[in-house]
Amino acid sequence: MTENQKYLKETRERIKGFEKELEPERLREAYMALENVSLAKEHVPKTRAQLRTDTLSLWLGLLQILDHHLDPDFNPEDGPEELVQPPPTSGGVVLRPGADPALIDDPTARAEYEKAIAANRAKANNYRLQIHLGRLNERITPRAEEFIRNSYTTAPDDQEELKTAIEKTIEDPRRKARLLELLTPPQP
């Protein structure tokens, strides 16, 4: 296994790790490994062409994963509560935010409080995920575009390979349009 193949394998493993854990750090590790791929180290044209295709596929895959998981309606101003305020006890005692649900004597109120805690925890997890994915999108997008610009010539075969890969992998219309703009317009 060549050094480049190791980087591709590591990228695939990190992507699988993200899909399993939804831990943004795995995507960061994936794109960092992918950046280490060096087409120049492959001297056999056929091997180099396959490496370029595989690397493009992974860059586009990273962009597609980001598009799939980024919430277009995410509002960074709408963060989770630090602690959830519990309902008053049946005796009218107001507990501090984040109090143990076992301190709520009314089972219905306790169940609602536990639901509110779970909802806030889910909101916090999603908030963290969206913030990290947004930052990764800002880093990965220009790097993927740079790979495309540096690795694909104006030759019709290169342009067709690139267009086909973008059309096949990228679903978001805005992302697809932006990437297709990197194609060289056909000569009249």
Protein backbone atom coordinates (compact mmCIF):
# COMPACT_ATOMS: atom_id res chain seq x y z
CA MET A 1 0.00 0.00 0.00
CA THR A 2 1.44 3.34 -1.06
CA GLU A 3 1.48 6.43 1.13
CA ASN A 4 -1.32 7.94 -0.98
CA GLN A 5 -3.41 4.80 -0.60
CA LYS A 6 -2.95 5.02 3.17
CA TYR A 7 -4.26 8.59 3.15
CA LEU A 8 -7.28 7.58 1.08
CA LYS A 9 -7.97 4.66 3.40
CA GLU A 10 -7.66 6.91 6.45
CA THR A 11 -10.06 9.40 4.86
CA ARG A 12 -12.64 6.67 4.23
CA GLU A 13 -12.28 5.37 7.79
CA ARG A 14 -12.73 8.85 9.26
CA ILE A 15 -15.81 9.44 7.11
CA LYS A 16 -17.29 6.16 8.34
CA GLY A 17 -16.46 7.23 11.89
CA PHE A 18 -18.34 10.49 11.40
CA GLU A 19 -21.36 8.70 9.95
CA LYS A 20 -21.40 6.36 12.95
CA GLU A 21 -20.72 8.92 15.73
CA LEU A 22 -21.76 12.26 14.16
CA GLU A 23 -18.55 13.61 15.66
CA PRO A 24 -17.32 16.53 13.49
CA GLU A 25 -13.72 15.87 14.51
CA ARG A 26 -13.82 12.77 12.27
CA LEU A 27 -14.56 14.99 9.25
CA ARG A 28 -11.70 17.29 10.15
CA GLU A 29 -9.40 14.27 10.37
CA ALA A 30 -10.76 13.03 7.02
CA TYR A 31 -10.03 16.21 5.14
CA MET A 32 -6.62 16.56 6.80
CA ALA A 33 -5.69 13.05 5.58
CA LEU A 34 -7.04 13.85 2.12
CA GLU A 35 -4.89 16.97 1.91
CA ASN A 36 -1.83 14.74 2.26
CA VAL A 37 -2.57 12.92 -1.01
CA SER A 38 0.05 13.89 -3.59
CA LEU A 39 -0.73 13.18 -7.23
CA ALA A 40 2.84 14.16 -8.10
CA LYS A 41 4.16 11.11 -6.24
CA GLU A 42 2.41 8.79 -8.70
CA HIS A 43 4.49 8.48 -11.83
CA VAL A 44 2.46 5.83 -13.66
CA PRO A 45 -0.21 7.72 -15.65
CA LYS A 46 -2.96 5.12 -15.13
CA THR A 47 -2.27 4.95 -11.37
CA ARG A 48 -2.16 8.73 -11.15
CA ALA A 49 -5.48 9.05 -13.00
CA GLN A 50 -7.13 6.55 -10.65
CA LEU A 51 -5.70 8.34 -7.62
CA ARG A 52 -7.07 11.63 -8.92
CA THR A 53 -10.50 10.08 -9.47
CA ASP A 54 -10.53 8.52 -6.00
CA THR A 55 -9.38 11.74 -4.37
CA LEU A 56 -12.02 13.78 -6.21
CA SER A 57 -14.66 11.30 -5.13
CA LEU A 58 -13.66 11.72 -1.49
CA TRP A 59 -13.55 15.55 -1.68
CA LEU A 60 -17.00 15.59 -3.24
CA GLY A 61 -18.18 13.03 -0.70
CA LEU A 62 -17.06 15.30 2.13
CA LEU A 63 -18.97 18.20 0.60
CA GLN A 64 -22.07 16.03 0.19
CA ILE A 65 -21.87 14.88 3.82
CA LEU A 66 -21.65 18.50 4.95
CA ASP A 67 -24.63 19.44 2.79
CA HIS A 68 -26.61 16.49 4.13
CA HIS A 69 -25.95 17.33 7.78
CA LEU A 70 -25.89 21.13 7.73
CA ASP A 71 -29.26 22.54 8.75
CA PRO A 72 -30.10 25.45 6.43
CA ASP A 73 -32.45 26.84 9.09
CA PHE A 74 -29.87 26.70 11.88
CA ASN A 75 -29.77 29.90 13.91
CA PRO A 76 -26.58 30.28 15.97
CA GLU A 77 -28.38 32.89 18.10
CA ASP A 78 -30.87 30.24 19.26
CA GLY A 79 -28.62 28.27 21.59
CA PRO A 80 -29.65 25.77 24.23
CA GLU A 81 -30.29 26.74 27.84
CA GLU A 82 -27.41 26.17 30.23
CA LEU A 83 -29.77 24.51 32.70
CA VAL A 84 -33.48 23.77 32.49
CA GLN A 85 -35.75 25.40 35.08
CA PRO A 86 -37.74 22.72 36.91
CA PRO A 87 -41.41 23.23 37.74
CA PRO A 88 -42.29 24.16 41.33
CA THR A 89 -42.94 21.25 43.69
CA SER A 90 -46.51 20.59 44.86
CA GLY A 91 -45.64 22.56 48.01
CA GLY A 92 -44.73 25.59 45.88
CA VAL A 93 -40.96 25.24 46.37
CA VAL A 94 -39.00 26.62 43.43
CA LEU A 95 -35.90 24.54 42.78
CA ARG A 96 -32.71 25.82 41.19
CA PRO A 97 -32.26 25.29 37.43
CA GLY A 98 -30.80 21.88 36.67
CA ALA A 99 -32.15 20.32 39.86
CA ASP A 100 -32.43 16.53 40.05
CA PRO A 101 -35.80 15.43 38.60
CA ALA A 102 -36.22 13.09 41.59
CA LEU A 103 -36.86 16.22 43.70
CA ILE A 104 -40.10 16.88 41.79
CA ASP A 105 -42.86 15.09 43.70
CA ASP A 106 -45.58 15.36 41.03
CA PRO A 107 -44.97 12.48 38.55
CA THR A 108 -46.53 14.37 35.62
CA ALA A 109 -44.45 17.51 36.30
CA ARG A 110 -41.33 15.36 36.79
CA ALA A 111 -41.94 13.59 33.45
CA GLU A 112 -42.35 16.95 31.68
CA TYR A 113 -39.19 18.25 33.34
CA GLU A 114 -37.25 15.14 32.26
CA LYS A 115 -38.57 15.65 28.72
CA ALA A 116 -37.46 19.29 28.81
CA ILE A 117 -33.99 18.23 29.99
CA ALA A 118 -33.75 15.64 27.20
CA ALA A 119 -34.94 18.16 24.59
CA ASN A 120 -32.41 20.74 25.80
CA ARG A 121 -29.63 18.12 25.70
CA ALA A 122 -30.61 17.21 22.12
CA LYS A 123 -30.68 20.90 21.20
CA ALA A 124 -27.21 21.37 22.74
CA ASN A 125 -25.85 18.39 20.79
CA ASN A 126 -27.34 19.67 17.54
CA TYR A 127 -26.10 23.20 18.24
CA ARG A 128 -22.56 21.92 18.76
CA LEU A 129 -22.78 19.78 15.61
CA GLN A 130 -24.06 22.66 13.47
CA ILE A 131 -21.43 25.09 14.72
CA HIS A 132 -18.62 22.62 13.99
CA LEU A 133 -20.02 21.60 10.61
CA GLY A 134 -20.33 25.24 9.62
CA ARG A 135 -16.69 25.81 10.46
CA LEU A 136 -15.66 22.68 8.58
CA ASN A 137 -17.68 23.79 5.57
CA GLU A 138 -15.70 27.03 5.54
CA ARG A 139 -12.45 25.04 5.49
CA ILE A 140 -13.31 22.06 3.30
CA THR A 141 -15.09 23.90 0.48
CA PRO A 142 -12.10 26.01 -0.63
CA ARG A 143 -9.74 23.06 -0.31
CA ALA A 144 -11.96 20.83 -2.45
CA GLU A 145 -12.26 23.59 -5.05
CA GLU A 146 -8.50 24.08 -5.00
CA PHE A 147 -7.98 20.35 -5.59
CA ILE A 148 -10.31 20.54 -8.59
CA ARG A 149 -8.60 23.61 -10.06
CA ASN A 150 -5.12 22.16 -9.56
CA SER A 151 -5.87 18.59 -10.67
CA TYR A 152 -8.16 18.94 -13.67
CA THR A 153 -7.08 20.42 -16.98
CA THR A 154 -9.22 21.97 -19.71
CA ALA A 155 -8.95 18.73 -21.69
CA PRO A 156 -12.43 17.46 -22.64
CA ASP A 157 -11.86 14.09 -20.89
CA ASP A 158 -10.87 15.84 -17.66
CA GLN A 159 -13.83 18.18 -17.87
CA GLU A 160 -16.23 15.30 -18.54
CA GLU A 161 -14.88 13.26 -15.63
CA LEU A 162 -15.24 16.24 -13.32
CA LYS A 163 -18.75 17.10 -14.51
CA THR A 164 -19.92 13.50 -14.18
CA ALA A 165 -18.51 13.19 -10.66
CA ILE A 166 -20.14 16.44 -9.51
CA GLU A 167 -23.50 15.54 -11.07
CA LYS A 168 -23.39 12.05 -9.53
CA THR A 169 -22.31 13.03 -6.01
CA ILE A 170 -23.54 16.52 -5.16
CA GLU A 171 -27.26 16.91 -4.47
CA ASP A 172 -27.53 20.49 -3.18
CA PRO A 173 -28.34 22.67 -6.22
CA ARG A 174 -26.34 25.67 -4.99
CA ARG A 175 -23.26 23.58 -4.26
CA LYS A 176 -23.60 21.75 -7.57
CA ALA A 177 -23.89 25.04 -9.49
CA ARG A 178 -20.85 26.48 -7.72
CA LEU A 179 -18.74 23.40 -8.47
CA LEU A 180 -19.91 23.26 -12.08
CA GLU A 181 -18.69 26.84 -12.46
CA LEU A 182 -15.18 25.42 -12.03
CA LEU A 183 -15.59 23.62 -15.35
CA THR A 184 -13.98 25.22 -18.35
CA PRO A 185 -16.67 26.47 -20.74
CA PRO A 186 -16.70 24.62 -24.06
CA GLN A 187 -14.85 26.43 -26.82
CA PRO A 188 -17.03 27.74 -29.69
